[in-house]
C-alpha cells in the first residue's frame, strides 16, 4: 500500500503530574492504514522513531 495524506497534529494541555506548561501531542492515523498494518485493540504495540525530518511508525 502506498498512500499519502496531509494530517494535523493536535496539541493538548497535559494533566496529572505534568508541569504547569506540559503539552501532549497526537496524530490521528486513518483506520485503513492501521488495519493494513494489522494493528487492532488486542495487538496495538508499535515502534516510532525519528530519522532526520521523518517520523516512522512500524508495528511490533
C-alpha atoms as a PDB file:
ATOM      1  CA  UNK A   1       0.000   0.000   0.000  1.00  0.00           C
ATOM      2  CA  UNK A   2       1.230   3.465  -0.801  1.00  0.00           C
ATOM      3  CA  UNK A   3      -0.905   6.444   0.092  1.00  0.00           C
ATOM      4  CA  UNK A   4      -0.198   9.953   1.273  1.00  0.00           C
ATOM      5  CA  UNK A   5      -2.355  12.318   3.311  1.00  0.00           C
ATOM      6  CA  UNK A   6      -1.904  15.673   4.971  1.00  0.00           C
ATOM      7  CA  UNK A   7      -2.641  15.231   8.700  1.00  0.00           C
ATOM      8  CA  UNK A   8      -2.748  17.665  11.606  1.00  0.00           C
ATOM      9  CA  UNK A   9      -1.029  17.356  14.965  1.00  0.00           C
ATOM     10  CA  UNK A  10      -3.313  18.010  17.961  1.00  0.00           C
ATOM     11  CA  UNK A  11      -1.842  19.870  20.937  1.00  0.00           C
ATOM     12  CA  UNK A  12      -3.437  19.498  24.384  1.00  0.00           C
ATOM     13  CA  UNK A  13      -2.502  20.553  27.878  1.00  0.00           C
ATOM     14  CA  UNK A  14      -1.199  17.638  29.921  1.00  0.00           C
ATOM     15  CA  UNK A  15      -2.885  16.702  33.167  1.00  0.00           C
ATOM     16  CA  UNK A  16      -1.891  14.755  36.245  1.00  0.00           C
ATOM     17  CA  UNK A  17       1.672  15.294  37.410  1.00  0.00           C
ATOM     18  CA  UNK A  18       2.792  17.134  34.267  1.00  0.00           C
ATOM     19  CA  UNK A  19       4.397  20.507  34.713  1.00  0.00           C
ATOM     20  CA  UNK A  20       2.498  23.776  34.523  1.00  0.00           C
ATOM     21  CA  UNK A  21       3.186  24.185  30.798  1.00  0.00           C
ATOM     22  CA  UNK A  22       3.120  20.470  29.906  1.00  0.00           C
ATOM     23  CA  UNK A  23       1.772  19.586  26.469  1.00  0.00           C
ATOM     24  CA  UNK A  24       0.676  16.343  24.837  1.00  0.00           C
ATOM     25  CA  UNK A  25       0.558  15.821  21.079  1.00  0.00           C
ATOM     26  CA  UNK A  26      -1.400  13.327  18.988  1.00  0.00           C
ATOM     27  CA  UNK A  27      -1.732  12.425  15.332  1.00  0.00           C
ATOM     28  CA  UNK A  28      -4.813  10.506  14.226  1.00  0.00           C
ATOM     29  CA  UNK A  29      -3.997   7.868  11.618  1.00  0.00           C
ATOM     30  CA  UNK A  30      -6.537   6.698   9.047  1.00  0.00           C
ATOM     31  CA  UNK A  31      -8.112   3.399  10.186  1.00  0.00           C
ATOM     32  CA  UNK A  32      -7.378   1.948   6.737  1.00  0.00           C
ATOM     33  CA  UNK A  33      -3.649   2.317   7.415  1.00  0.00           C
ATOM     34  CA  UNK A  34      -3.899   0.919  10.936  1.00  0.00           C
ATOM     35  CA  UNK A  35      -5.830  -2.142   9.735  1.00  0.00           C
ATOM     36  CA  UNK A  36      -3.401  -2.634   6.843  1.00  0.00           C
ATOM     37  CA  UNK A  37      -0.551  -2.926   9.353  1.00  0.00           C
ATOM     38  CA  UNK A  38      -2.541  -5.457  11.398  1.00  0.00           C
ATOM     39  CA  UNK A  39      -2.888  -3.186  14.419  1.00  0.00           C
ATOM     40  CA  UNK A  40      -6.021  -3.816  16.480  1.00  0.00           C
ATOM     41  CA  UNK A  41      -7.308  -3.367  20.036  1.00  0.00           C
ATOM     42  CA  UNK A  42      -5.603  -6.553  21.266  1.00  0.00           C
ATOM     43  CA  UNK A  43      -2.346  -6.146  19.305  1.00  0.00           C
ATOM     44  CA  UNK A  44      -1.561  -2.438  19.324  1.00  0.00           C
ATOM     45  CA  UNK A  45       2.144  -2.061  20.101  1.00  0.00           C
ATOM     46  CA  UNK A  46       4.108  -0.020  17.607  1.00  0.00           C
ATOM     47  CA  UNK A  47       7.621   1.339  17.310  1.00  0.00           C
ATOM     48  CA  UNK A  48       8.010   5.025  16.440  1.00  0.00           C
ATOM     49  CA  UNK A  49      11.330   6.578  15.528  1.00  0.00           C
ATOM     50  CA  UNK A  50      12.580   9.852  14.141  1.00  0.00           C
ATOM     51  CA  UNK A  51      15.003   9.811  11.224  1.00  0.00           C
ATOM     52  CA  UNK A  52      16.108  13.282  10.261  1.00  0.00           C
ATOM     53  CA  UNK A  53      12.895  15.017   9.213  1.00  0.00           C
ATOM     54  CA  UNK A  54      10.703  11.871   9.117  1.00  0.00           C
ATOM     55  CA  UNK A  55       8.750  10.046  11.806  1.00  0.00           C
ATOM     56  CA  UNK A  56       8.495   6.318  11.064  1.00  0.00           C
ATOM     57  CA  UNK A  57       5.836   4.102  12.657  1.00  0.00           C
ATOM     58  CA  UNK A  58       6.148   0.298  12.497  1.00  0.00           C
ATOM     59  CA  UNK A  59       4.065  -2.485  14.008  1.00  0.00           C
ATOM     60  CA  UNK A  60       5.948  -4.654  16.500  1.00  0.00           C
END
